[in-house]
Amino acid sequence: MLVAVVGCAGRPEAVATPPAPATPLDSAAAASEAQLRADVAWLAAPARNGRYAGTRESDSVAAYLERRYQALGIAGAYESGYRQRFRMSDGQATNVAAVIPGTDRALAREVIVVGAHRDHIGHSAWLAMDPDLGPVLRPGADDNASGTAAVLEVARRLAARPTRRTVLVVHFDAEELGLLGSQAFIEHPPVARSAVRLMLNLDMVGRLRADRLYVEVARGGRAVQALVDSVTRAGSLRPVPTSETSGRSDQSTFAEWPVPAVALFTGFHADYHRASDTPARVNVPGIRRVVDVAESLVRAVANRP
């Protein structure tokens, strides 16, 4: 999540120990959580060095995402493969995108985009909420290893049971530097804007508390809001409308394109943009529940007549 110009919007909440599941997980849910946990741990490991855009470690994340999609049998979204490279003021960054073709011959030309930014702030003190610590590692487990892992899991499920419309999944780079990756995507999109029916953004989805899922409908109106609320409640979560993510994450870029755009978010917390945003503090069962909602929302839009 892009840091606000004047500090962190919203009140941080105390970190709570993730609650134990009320009932034993079935094998599919357990496998889902195991993969989410593994992806978050890899993405936010010290070896990733905070995933600052344009670094060697950022390139290793792009390669990891490519390998994951190749293993799932999901092809790259670009003619050249999975990567879209773009220039920043001080180097080059890379979006990673893959595509799951729709099954309906007539509707497959329409597209739902599911995205999350994959970068974080590295050792940067000027982007941090704990600048007094200096250039220490900020691992970015919730922001946004959680969303990156969630998009991978949504893609895995959709590839196993494709929808009528096409789904494009994308991992934006350089979000923390000003939504640069999503801007590069819409400037050189692999699909026509007119084909996009919805963009769903997953940013900081690793701190679910009290079953609250914050929802921003950046563009789409009451019909989209009603659909999101219905799907969220069906997943036993409480939808909470928010504007805290407006202008601070990639759904805003798509809303200005313009296409219907929605963001899911589990809220700010005391570890946001701090060295303490580690995998140990992430609520993995909560990510899986957000993925359940995201998958249901995508299927509702992608399979409608």
C-alpha atoms as a PDB file:
ATOM      1  CA  MET A   1       0.000   0.000   0.000  1.00  0.00           C
ATOM      2  CA  LEU A   2       1.406   3.362  -1.056  1.00  0.00           C
ATOM      3  CA  VAL A   3       2.209   5.442   1.992  1.00  0.00           C
ATOM      4  CA  ALA A   4       0.132   8.591   2.435  1.00  0.00           C
ATOM      5  CA  VAL A   5       1.814  11.958   1.991  1.00  0.00           C
ATOM      6  CA  VAL A   6       1.102  12.834   5.623  1.00  0.00           C
ATOM      7  CA  GLY A   7       1.431   9.562   7.435  1.00  0.00           C
ATOM      8  CA  CYS A   8      -0.793   6.540   7.634  1.00  0.00           C
ATOM      9  CA  ALA A   9      -4.475   7.009   6.949  1.00  0.00           C
ATOM     10  CA  GLY A  10      -6.736   5.358   9.485  1.00  0.00           C
ATOM     11  CA  ARG A  11      -5.980   4.303  13.052  1.00  0.00           C
ATOM     12  CA  PRO A  12      -3.602   1.377  13.472  1.00  0.00           C
ATOM     13  CA  GLU A  13      -5.064  -1.530  15.389  1.00  0.00           C
ATOM     14  CA  ALA A  14      -3.280  -3.704  17.888  1.00  0.00           C
ATOM     15  CA  VAL A  15      -1.833  -6.908  16.537  1.00  0.00           C
ATOM     16  CA  ALA A  16      -3.853  -9.926  17.627  1.00  0.00           C
ATOM     17  CA  THR A  17      -2.873 -13.569  17.532  1.00  0.00           C
ATOM     18  CA  PRO A  18      -4.727 -15.195  14.613  1.00  0.00           C
ATOM     19  CA  PRO A  19      -7.638 -17.193  16.007  1.00  0.00           C
ATOM     20  CA  ALA A  20      -7.644 -20.945  15.642  1.00  0.00           C
ATOM     21  CA  PRO A  21     -10.234 -22.306  13.217  1.00  0.00           C
ATOM     22  CA  ALA A  22     -13.505 -23.165  14.935  1.00  0.00           C
ATOM     23  CA  THR A  23     -13.727 -26.457  13.067  1.00  0.00           C
ATOM     24  CA  PRO A  24     -11.102 -28.690  11.453  1.00  0.00           C
ATOM     25  CA  LEU A  25     -10.181 -27.674   7.913  1.00  0.00           C
ATOM     26  CA  ASP A  26     -11.007 -29.918   5.012  1.00  0.00           C
ATOM     27  CA  SER A  27      -8.074 -31.094   2.917  1.00  0.00           C
ATOM     28  CA  ALA A  28      -8.576 -28.436   0.218  1.00  0.00           C
ATOM     29  CA  ALA A  29      -8.638 -25.571   2.733  1.00  0.00           C
ATOM     30  CA  ALA A  30      -5.622 -26.981   4.556  1.00  0.00           C
ATOM     31  CA  ALA A  31      -3.666 -27.258   1.303  1.00  0.00           C
ATOM     32  CA  SER A  32      -4.685 -23.724   0.369  1.00  0.00           C
ATOM     33  CA  GLU A  33      -3.416 -22.345   3.671  1.00  0.00           C
ATOM     34  CA  ALA A  34      -0.190 -24.315   3.424  1.00  0.00           C
ATOM     35  CA  GLN A  35       0.575 -22.806   0.006  1.00  0.00           C
ATOM     36  CA  LEU A  36      -0.382 -19.302   1.132  1.00  0.00           C
ATOM     37  CA  ARG A  37       1.893 -19.629   4.152  1.00  0.00           C
ATOM     38  CA  ALA A  38       4.769 -20.874   2.002  1.00  0.00           C
ATOM     39  CA  ASP A  39       4.367 -18.067  -0.539  1.00  0.00           C
ATOM     40  CA  VAL A  40       4.191 -15.335   2.115  1.00  0.00           C
ATOM     41  CA  ALA A  41       7.240 -16.774   3.881  1.00  0.00           C
ATOM     42  CA  TRP A  42       9.254 -16.885   0.651  1.00  0.00           C
ATOM     43  CA  LEU A  43       8.233 -13.426  -0.517  1.00  0.00           C
ATOM     44  CA  ALA A  44       8.921 -11.768   2.839  1.00  0.00           C
ATOM     45  CA  ALA A  45      12.077 -13.710   3.695  1.00  0.00           C
ATOM     46  CA  PRO A  46      15.253 -11.712   4.470  1.00  0.00           C
ATOM     47  CA  ALA A  47      16.747 -12.990   1.210  1.00  0.00           C
ATOM     48  CA  ARG A  48      14.145 -10.965  -0.711  1.00  0.00           C
ATOM     49  CA  ASN A  49      15.563  -7.823   0.922  1.00  0.00           C
ATOM     50  CA  GLY A  50      12.176  -6.070   1.085  1.00  0.00           C
ATOM     51  CA  ARG A  51      11.408  -6.447  -2.655  1.00  0.00           C
ATOM     52  CA  TYR A  52      12.259  -2.871  -3.609  1.00  0.00           C
ATOM     53  CA  ALA A  53      11.367  -2.228  -7.260  1.00  0.00           C
ATOM     54  CA  GLY A  54      14.184  -2.530  -9.767  1.00  0.00           C
ATOM     55  CA  THR A  55      16.528  -4.525  -7.543  1.00  0.00           C
ATOM     56  CA  ARG A  56      18.094  -7.940  -8.065  1.00  0.00           C
ATOM     57  CA  GLU A  57      15.784  -9.293  -5.372  1.00  0.00           C
ATOM     58  CA  SER A  58      12.778  -7.893  -7.207  1.00  0.00           C
ATOM     59  CA  ASP A  59      13.923  -9.778 -10.306  1.00  0.00           C
ATOM     60  CA  SER A  60      14.088 -12.969  -8.248  1.00  0.00           C
ATOM     61  CA  VAL A  61      10.462 -12.429  -7.216  1.00  0.00           C
ATOM     62  CA  ALA A  62       9.443 -12.032 -10.867  1.00  0.00           C
ATOM     63  CA  ALA A  63      11.195 -15.313 -11.661  1.00  0.00           C
ATOM     64  CA  TYR A  64       9.464 -17.011  -8.731  1.00  0.00           C
ATOM     65  CA  LEU A  65       6.051 -15.878  -9.964  1.00  0.00           C
ATOM     66  CA  GLU A  66       6.861 -17.113 -13.465  1.00  0.00           C
ATOM     67  CA  ARG A  67       7.817 -20.528 -12.099  1.00  0.00           C
ATOM     68  CA  ARG A  68       4.630 -20.739 -10.048  1.00  0.00           C
ATOM     69  CA  TYR A  69       2.430 -19.966 -13.056  1.00  0.00           C
ATOM     70  CA  GLN A  70       4.352 -22.351 -15.276  1.00  0.00           C
ATOM     71  CA  ALA A  71       3.847 -25.104 -12.697  1.00  0.00           C
ATOM     72  CA  LEU A  72       0.116 -24.333 -12.684  1.00  0.00           C
ATOM     73  CA  GLY A  73      -0.034 -24.502 -16.473  1.00  0.00           C
ATOM     74  CA  ILE A  74      -1.074 -20.842 -16.764  1.00  0.00           C
ATOM     75  CA  ALA A  75       0.435 -18.979 -19.726  1.00  0.00           C
ATOM     76  CA  GLY A  76       1.891 -15.488 -19.779  1.00  0.00           C
ATOM     77  CA  ALA A  77      -0.424 -12.620 -20.676  1.00  0.00           C
ATOM     78  CA  TYR A  78       2.004 -10.979 -23.114  1.00  0.00           C
ATOM     79  CA  GLU A  79       3.233 -12.132 -26.505  1.00  0.00           C
ATOM     80  CA  SER A  80       6.727 -12.225 -25.015  1.00  0.00           C
ATOM     81  CA  GLY A  81       5.619 -14.200 -21.958  1.00  0.00           C
ATOM     82  CA  TYR A  82       4.865 -13.156 -18.404  1.00  0.00           C
ATOM     83  CA  ARG A  83       6.859  -9.951 -18.005  1.00  0.00           C
ATOM     84  CA  GLN A  84       6.132  -6.341 -18.853  1.00  0.00           C
ATOM     85  CA  ARG A  85       9.197  -4.190 -18.301  1.00  0.00           C
ATOM     86  CA  PHE A  86       8.922  -0.444 -17.856  1.00  0.00           C
ATOM     87  CA  ARG A  87      11.220   2.423 -17.041  1.00  0.00           C
ATOM     88  CA  MET A  88      11.352   4.267 -13.749  1.00  0.00           C
ATOM     89  CA  SER A  89      13.317   7.423 -13.068  1.00  0.00           C
ATOM     90  CA  ASP A  90      16.173   5.383 -11.594  1.00  0.00           C
ATOM     91  CA  GLY A  91      15.964   2.070 -13.420  1.00  0.00           C
ATOM     92  CA  GLN A  92      13.678  -0.612 -14.753  1.00  0.00           C
ATOM     93  CA  ALA A  93      10.768  -2.406 -13.083  1.00  0.00           C
ATOM     94  CA  THR A  94       8.700  -5.403 -14.112  1.00  0.00           C
ATOM     95  CA  ASN A  95       5.043  -6.391 -13.954  1.00  0.00           C
ATOM     96  CA  VAL A  96       4.242 -10.109 -14.116  1.00  0.00           C
ATOM     97  CA  ALA A  97       0.940 -11.205 -15.680  1.00  0.00           C
ATOM     98  CA  ALA A  98      -0.698 -14.484 -16.668  1.00  0.00           C
ATOM     99  CA  VAL A  99      -3.984 -15.368 -18.334  1.00  0.00           C
ATOM    100  CA  ILE A 100      -6.623 -18.060 -17.820  1.00  0.00           C
ATOM    101  CA  PRO A 101      -8.700 -18.229 -21.017  1.00  0.00           C
ATOM    102  CA  GLY A 102     -12.469 -18.271 -20.729  1.00  0.00           C
ATOM    103  CA  THR A 103     -14.419 -21.349 -21.753  1.00  0.00           C
ATOM    104  CA  ASP A 104     -17.292 -19.618 -23.557  1.00  0.00           C
ATOM    105  CA  ARG A 105     -16.463 -18.887 -27.187  1.00  0.00           C
ATOM    106  CA  ALA A 106     -18.529 -15.682 -27.228  1.00  0.00           C
ATOM    107  CA  LEU A 107     -17.709 -14.407 -23.725  1.00  0.00           C
ATOM    108  CA  ALA A 108     -14.012 -15.325 -23.572  1.00  0.00           C
ATOM    109  CA  ARG A 109     -13.109 -12.022 -25.223  1.00  0.00           C
ATOM    110  CA  GLU A 110     -14.289 -10.285 -22.029  1.00  0.00           C
ATOM    111  CA  VAL A 111     -11.799 -10.069 -19.172  1.00  0.00           C
ATOM    112  CA  ILE A 112     -11.714  -9.835 -15.394  1.00  0.00           C
ATOM    113  CA  VAL A 113      -8.402  -8.531 -14.023  1.00  0.00           C
ATOM    114  CA  VAL A 114      -7.203  -9.691 -10.598  1.00  0.00           C
ATOM    115  CA  GLY A 115      -4.155  -7.852  -9.335  1.00  0.00           C
ATOM    116  CA  ALA A 116      -1.838  -7.139  -6.427  1.00  0.00           C
ATOM    117  CA  HIS A 117       1.404  -5.232  -6.141  1.00  0.00           C
ATOM    118  CA  ARG A 118       4.439  -7.399  -5.467  1.00  0.00           C
ATOM    119  CA  ASP A 119       6.944  -4.768  -4.348  1.00  0.00           C
ATOM    120  CA  HIS A 120       7.639  -3.275  -0.935  1.00  0.00           C
ATOM    121  CA  ILE A 121       9.978  -0.614   0.424  1.00  0.00           C
ATOM    122  CA  GLY A 122      13.177  -2.600   0.976  1.00  0.00           C
ATOM    123  CA  HIS A 123      15.423  -0.791   3.465  1.00  0.00           C
ATOM    124  CA  SER A 124      14.011   2.641   2.671  1.00  0.00           C
ATOM    125  CA  ALA A 125      13.623   4.889   5.697  1.00  0.00           C
ATOM    126  CA  TRP A 126      11.952   7.688   3.743  1.00  0.00           C
ATOM    127  CA  LEU A 127       9.026   5.419   2.837  1.00  0.00           C
ATOM    128  CA  ALA A 128       8.844   3.869   6.306  1.00  0.00           C
ATOM    129  CA  MET A 129       6.654   4.576   9.310  1.00  0.00           C
ATOM    130  CA  ASP A 130       9.637   3.814  11.577  1.00  0.00           C
ATOM    131  CA  PRO A 131      12.285   6.075   9.966  1.00  0.00           C
ATOM    132  CA  ASP A 132      14.115   6.409  13.282  1.00  0.00           C
ATOM    133  CA  LEU A 133      15.362   2.842  12.771  1.00  0.00           C
ATOM    134  CA  GLY A 134      17.258   3.938   9.680  1.00  0.00           C
ATOM    135  CA  PRO A 135      17.908   1.675   6.660  1.00  0.00           C
ATOM    136  CA  VAL A 136      16.772  -1.621   8.197  1.00  0.00           C
ATOM    137  CA  LEU A 137      14.854  -4.362   6.405  1.00  0.00           C
ATOM    138  CA  ARG A 138      11.111  -3.845   6.083  1.00  0.00           C
ATOM    139  CA  PRO A 139       9.954  -7.280   4.863  1.00  0.00           C
ATOM    140  CA  GLY A 140       6.418  -6.340   3.820  1.00  0.00           C
ATOM    141  CA  ALA A 141       4.681  -9.591   4.766  1.00  0.00           C
ATOM    142  CA  ASP A 142       1.211  -8.066   4.825  1.00  0.00           C
ATOM    143  CA  ASP A 143       2.133  -5.263   2.416  1.00  0.00           C
ATOM    144  CA  ASN A 144       1.974  -6.974   0.049  1.00  0.00           C
ATOM    145  CA  ALA A 145       3.291 -10.508   0.179  1.00  0.00           C
ATOM    146  CA  SER A 146      -0.208 -11.355   1.430  1.00  0.00           C
ATOM    147  CA  GLY A 147      -1.921  -9.979  -1.681  1.00  0.00           C
ATOM    148  CA  THR A 148       0.681 -11.518  -3.981  1.00  0.00           C
ATOM    149  CA  ALA A 149       0.137 -14.945  -2.428  1.00  0.00           C
ATOM    150  CA  ALA A 150      -3.628 -14.433  -2.569  1.00  0.00           C
ATOM    151  CA  VAL A 151      -3.575 -13.712  -6.314  1.00  0.00           C
ATOM    152  CA  LEU A 152      -1.509 -16.847  -6.898  1.00  0.00           C
ATOM    153  CA  GLU A 153      -4.089 -18.886  -4.996  1.00  0.00           C
ATOM    154  CA  VAL A 154      -7.035 -17.319  -6.842  1.00  0.00           C
ATOM    155  CA  ALA A 155      -5.273 -18.161 -10.108  1.00  0.00           C
ATOM    156  CA  ARG A 156      -4.647 -21.762  -9.032  1.00  0.00           C
ATOM    157  CA  ARG A 157      -8.326 -22.279  -8.256  1.00  0.00           C
ATOM    158  CA  LEU A 158      -9.527 -20.645 -11.454  1.00  0.00           C
ATOM    159  CA  ALA A 159      -7.110 -22.658 -13.586  1.00  0.00           C
ATOM    160  CA  ALA A 160      -8.503 -25.839 -12.048  1.00  0.00           C
ATOM    161  CA  ARG A 161     -12.055 -24.797 -12.915  1.00  0.00           C
ATOM    162  CA  PRO A 162     -12.038 -21.997 -15.522  1.00  0.00           C
ATOM    163  CA  THR A 163     -14.806 -19.453 -15.943  1.00  0.00           C
ATOM    164  CA  ARG A 164     -16.775 -18.442 -19.023  1.00  0.00           C
ATOM    165  CA  ARG A 165     -14.909 -15.156 -19.312  1.00  0.00           C
ATOM    166  CA  THR A 166     -11.142 -14.804 -19.374  1.00  0.00           C
ATOM    167  CA  VAL A 167      -9.294 -13.939 -16.165  1.00  0.00           C
ATOM    168  CA  LEU A 168      -5.998 -12.046 -16.263  1.00  0.00           C
ATOM    169  CA  VAL A 169      -3.888 -12.022 -13.105  1.00  0.00           C
ATOM    170  CA  VAL A 170      -1.192  -9.406 -12.662  1.00  0.00           C
ATOM    171  CA  HIS A 171       1.474  -8.587 -10.076  1.00  0.00           C
ATOM    172  CA  PHE A 172       2.348  -4.902 -10.272  1.00  0.00           C
ATOM    173  CA  ASP A 173       5.826  -3.608  -9.540  1.00  0.00           C
ATOM    174  CA  ALA A 174       6.689  -0.173  -8.116  1.00  0.00           C
ATOM    175  CA  GLU A 175       3.320   0.468  -6.483  1.00  0.00           C
ATOM    176  CA  GLU A 176       5.090   1.879  -3.453  1.00  0.00           C
ATOM    177  CA  LEU A 177       6.806   4.461  -5.670  1.00  0.00           C
ATOM    178  CA  GLY A 178       3.543   5.918  -6.973  1.00  0.00           C
ATOM    179  CA  LEU A 179       1.394   3.173  -8.565  1.00  0.00           C
ATOM    180  CA  LEU A 180       3.904   2.993 -11.410  1.00  0.00           C
ATOM    181  CA  GLY A 181       3.280  -0.635 -12.324  1.00  0.00           C
ATOM    182  CA  SER A 182      -0.468  -0.320 -12.769  1.00  0.00           C
ATOM    183  CA  GLN A 183       0.057   2.872 -14.750  1.00  0.00           C
ATOM    184  CA  ALA A 184       2.460   1.031 -17.067  1.00  0.00           C
ATOM    185  CA  PHE A 185      -0.092  -1.765 -17.416  1.00  0.00           C
ATOM    186  CA  ILE A 186      -2.923   0.497 -18.576  1.00  0.00           C
ATOM    187  CA  GLU A 187      -0.599   2.445 -20.886  1.00  0.00           C
ATOM    188  CA  HIS A 188       0.424  -0.777 -22.642  1.00  0.00           C
ATOM    189  CA  PRO A 189      -2.297  -3.293 -21.763  1.00  0.00           C
ATOM    190  CA  PRO A 190      -2.270  -6.892 -22.996  1.00  0.00           C
ATOM    191  CA  VAL A 191      -6.049  -6.628 -23.445  1.00  0.00           C
ATOM    192  CA  ALA A 192      -8.269  -3.820 -24.706  1.00  0.00           C
ATOM    193  CA  ARG A 193      -9.797  -1.551 -22.070  1.00  0.00           C
ATOM    194  CA  SER A 194     -13.230  -2.154 -23.607  1.00  0.00           C
ATOM    195  CA  ALA A 195     -12.871  -5.876 -22.810  1.00  0.00           C
ATOM    196  CA  VAL A 196     -12.346  -5.406 -19.059  1.00  0.00           C
ATOM    197  CA  ARG A 197     -15.487  -6.026 -17.002  1.00  0.00           C
ATOM    198  CA  LEU A 198     -13.923  -5.678 -13.553  1.00  0.00           C
ATOM    199  CA  MET A 199     -10.584  -5.103 -11.864  1.00  0.00           C
ATOM    200  CA  LEU A 200     -10.181  -6.650  -8.401  1.00  0.00           C
ATOM    201  CA  ASN A 201      -7.200  -5.498  -6.329  1.00  0.00           C
ATOM    202  CA  LEU A 202      -5.890  -7.370  -3.281  1.00  0.00           C
ATOM    203  CA  ASP A 203      -3.660  -5.208  -1.102  1.00  0.00           C
ATOM    204  CA  MET A 204      -2.788  -5.964   2.532  1.00  0.00           C
ATOM    205  CA  VAL A 205      -5.165  -8.874   3.031  1.00  0.00           C
ATOM    206  CA  GLY A 206      -3.136 -10.609   5.742  1.00  0.00           C
ATOM    207  CA  ARG A 207      -4.489  -9.073   8.938  1.00  0.00           C
ATOM    208  CA  LEU A 208      -8.141 -10.138   9.076  1.00  0.00           C
ATOM    209  CA  ARG A 209      -9.645  -9.185  12.450  1.00  0.00           C
ATOM    210  CA  ALA A 210     -13.174  -9.607  13.782  1.00  0.00           C
ATOM    211  CA  ASP A 211     -14.283 -10.881  10.352  1.00  0.00           C
ATOM    212  CA  ARG A 212     -14.063  -7.343   8.919  1.00  0.00           C
ATOM    213  CA  LEU A 213     -13.172  -7.088   5.232  1.00  0.00           C
ATOM    214  CA  TYR A 214     -12.722  -3.515   4.035  1.00  0.00           C
ATOM    215  CA  VAL A 215     -14.088  -2.903   0.554  1.00  0.00           C
ATOM    216  CA  GLU A 216     -13.546   0.039  -1.766  1.00  0.00           C
ATOM    217  CA  VAL A 217     -15.658   0.189  -4.911  1.00  0.00           C
ATOM    218  CA  ALA A 218     -13.499   2.702  -6.755  1.00  0.00           C
ATOM    219  CA  ARG A 219     -15.762   2.580  -9.809  1.00  0.00           C
ATOM    220  CA  GLY A 220     -18.859   0.533 -10.523  1.00  0.00           C
ATOM    221  CA  GLY A 221     -21.654   2.046  -8.475  1.00  0.00           C
ATOM    222  CA  ARG A 222     -24.355   0.428  -6.403  1.00  0.00           C
ATOM    223  CA  ALA A 223     -24.680  -2.732  -8.479  1.00  0.00           C
ATOM    224  CA  VAL A 224     -21.027  -3.662  -7.947  1.00  0.00           C
ATOM    225  CA  GLN A 225     -21.209  -2.677  -4.271  1.00  0.00           C
ATOM    226  CA  ALA A 226     -24.258  -4.895  -3.764  1.00  0.00           C
ATOM    227  CA  LEU A 227     -22.547  -7.837  -5.455  1.00  0.00           C
ATOM    228  CA  VAL A 228     -19.382  -7.453  -3.387  1.00  0.00           C
ATOM    229  CA  ASP A 229     -21.376  -7.143  -0.159  1.00  0.00           C
ATOM    230  CA  SER A 230     -23.421 -10.240  -0.993  1.00  0.00           C
ATOM    231  CA  VAL A 231     -20.386 -12.356  -1.846  1.00  0.00           C
ATOM    232  CA  THR A 232     -18.525 -11.162   1.265  1.00  0.00           C
ATOM    233  CA  ARG A 233     -21.403 -12.020   3.591  1.00  0.00           C
ATOM    234  CA  ALA A 234     -21.740 -15.421   1.929  1.00  0.00           C
ATOM    235  CA  GLY A 235     -18.131 -15.985   2.957  1.00  0.00           C
ATOM    236  CA  SER A 236     -19.054 -15.206   6.589  1.00  0.00           C
ATOM    237  CA  LEU A 237     -17.161 -11.912   6.527  1.00  0.00           C
ATOM    238  CA  ARG A 238     -18.512  -8.460   7.290  1.00  0.00           C
ATOM    239  CA  PRO A 239     -18.051  -5.990   4.402  1.00  0.00           C
ATOM    240  CA  VAL A 240     -16.975  -2.556   5.623  1.00  0.00           C
ATOM    241  CA  PRO A 241     -16.997   0.244   3.024  1.00  0.00           C
ATOM    242  CA  THR A 242     -13.781   2.263   3.040  1.00  0.00           C
ATOM    243  CA  SER A 243     -12.102   5.075   1.159  1.00  0.00           C
ATOM    244  CA  GLU A 244      -8.764   4.675   2.985  1.00  0.00           C
ATOM    245  CA  THR A 245      -7.233   2.905  -0.003  1.00  0.00           C
ATOM    246  CA  SER A 246      -8.400   5.509  -2.525  1.00  0.00           C
ATOM    247  CA  GLY A 247      -5.459   6.858  -4.507  1.00  0.00           C
ATOM    248  CA  ARG A 248      -3.092   4.615  -2.562  1.00  0.00           C
ATOM    249  CA  SER A 249      -3.346   1.316  -4.404  1.00  0.00           C
ATOM    250  CA  ASP A 250      -3.754   0.012  -7.918  1.00  0.00           C
ATOM    251  CA  GLN A 251      -7.547  -0.096  -8.149  1.00  0.00           C
ATOM    252  CA  SER A 252      -7.389   3.706  -8.357  1.00  0.00           C
ATOM    253  CA  THR A 253      -5.386   3.523 -11.587  1.00  0.00           C
ATOM    254  CA  PHE A 254      -8.007   1.259 -13.158  1.00  0.00           C
ATOM    255  CA  ALA A 255     -10.879   3.416 -11.926  1.00  0.00           C
ATOM    256  CA  GLU A 256      -9.321   6.332 -13.779  1.00  0.00           C
ATOM    257  CA  TRP A 257      -8.762   4.258 -16.947  1.00  0.00           C
ATOM    258  CA  PRO A 258     -11.807   3.930 -16.477  1.00  0.00           C
ATOM    259  CA  VAL A 259     -13.152   0.439 -15.721  1.00  0.00           C
ATOM    260  CA  PRO A 260     -15.112  -0.933 -12.743  1.00  0.00           C
ATOM    261  CA  ALA A 261     -12.612  -1.463  -9.937  1.00  0.00           C
ATOM    262  CA  VAL A 262     -12.803  -2.951  -6.441  1.00  0.00           C
ATOM    263  CA  ALA A 263     -10.232  -3.282  -3.657  1.00  0.00           C
ATOM    264  CA  LEU A 264     -10.251  -5.781  -0.787  1.00  0.00           C
ATOM    265  CA  PHE A 265      -8.192  -4.874   2.288  1.00  0.00           C
ATOM    266  CA  THR A 266      -8.017  -6.128   5.881  1.00  0.00           C
ATOM    267  CA  GLY A 267      -7.030  -2.798   7.393  1.00  0.00           C
ATOM    268  CA  PHE A 268      -4.070  -0.775   8.579  1.00  0.00           C
ATOM    269  CA  HIS A 269      -2.164  -1.884  11.669  1.00  0.00           C
ATOM    270  CA  ALA A 270       0.759  -0.974  13.867  1.00  0.00           C
ATOM    271  CA  ASP A 271       3.256  -2.819  11.636  1.00  0.00           C
ATOM    272  CA  TYR A 272       2.393  -0.991   8.402  1.00  0.00           C
ATOM    273  CA  HIS A 273       5.605   0.032   6.562  1.00  0.00           C
ATOM    274  CA  ARG A 274       7.641  -1.039   9.559  1.00  0.00           C
ATOM    275  CA  ALA A 275      10.348  -3.606  10.184  1.00  0.00           C
ATOM    276  CA  SER A 276       7.810  -5.566  12.240  1.00  0.00           C
ATOM    277  CA  ASP A 277       5.618  -6.487   9.225  1.00  0.00           C
ATOM    278  CA  THR A 278       6.847 -10.085   9.269  1.00  0.00           C
ATOM    279  CA  PRO A 279       5.328 -13.431   8.201  1.00  0.00           C
ATOM    280  CA  ALA A 280       4.852 -14.446  11.846  1.00  0.00           C
ATOM    281  CA  ARG A 281       2.256 -11.683  12.242  1.00  0.00           C
ATOM    282  CA  VAL A 282       0.223 -12.617   9.175  1.00  0.00           C
ATOM    283  CA  ASN A 283      -3.171 -14.283   9.633  1.00  0.00           C
ATOM    284  CA  VAL A 284      -2.899 -17.034   7.018  1.00  0.00           C
ATOM    285  CA  PRO A 285      -6.372 -18.513   7.676  1.00  0.00           C
ATOM    286  CA  GLY A 286      -7.663 -14.977   7.172  1.00  0.00           C
ATOM    287  CA  ILE A 287      -5.941 -14.702   3.786  1.00  0.00           C
ATOM    288  CA  ARG A 288      -7.592 -17.948   2.759  1.00  0.00           C
ATOM    289  CA  ARG A 289     -10.998 -16.535   3.697  1.00  0.00           C
ATOM    290  CA  VAL A 290     -10.315 -13.391   1.668  1.00  0.00           C
ATOM    291  CA  VAL A 291      -9.285 -15.608  -1.255  1.00  0.00           C
ATOM    292  CA  ASP A 292     -12.607 -17.439  -0.895  1.00  0.00           C
ATOM    293  CA  VAL A 293     -14.425 -14.113  -1.275  1.00  0.00           C
ATOM    294  CA  ALA A 294     -12.208 -12.984  -4.157  1.00  0.00           C
ATOM    295  CA  GLU A 295     -12.735 -16.246  -6.020  1.00  0.00           C
ATOM    296  CA  SER A 296     -16.497 -16.065  -5.517  1.00  0.00           C
ATOM    297  CA  LEU A 297     -16.601 -12.472  -6.747  1.00  0.00           C
ATOM    298  CA  VAL A 298     -14.578 -13.291  -9.853  1.00  0.00           C
ATOM    299  CA  ARG A 299     -16.762 -16.300 -10.630  1.00  0.00           C
ATOM    300  CA  ALA A 300     -19.943 -14.276 -10.153  1.00  0.00           C
ATOM    301  CA  VAL A 301     -18.799 -11.698 -12.716  1.00  0.00           C
ATOM    302  CA  ALA A 302     -17.006 -14.087 -15.057  1.00  0.00           C
ATOM    303  CA  ASN A 303     -19.848 -16.622 -15.279  1.00  0.00           C
ATOM    304  CA  ARG A 304     -22.867 -14.364 -15.501  1.00  0.00           C
ATOM    305  CA  PRO A 305     -24.863 -14.482 -18.767  1.00  0.00           C
END
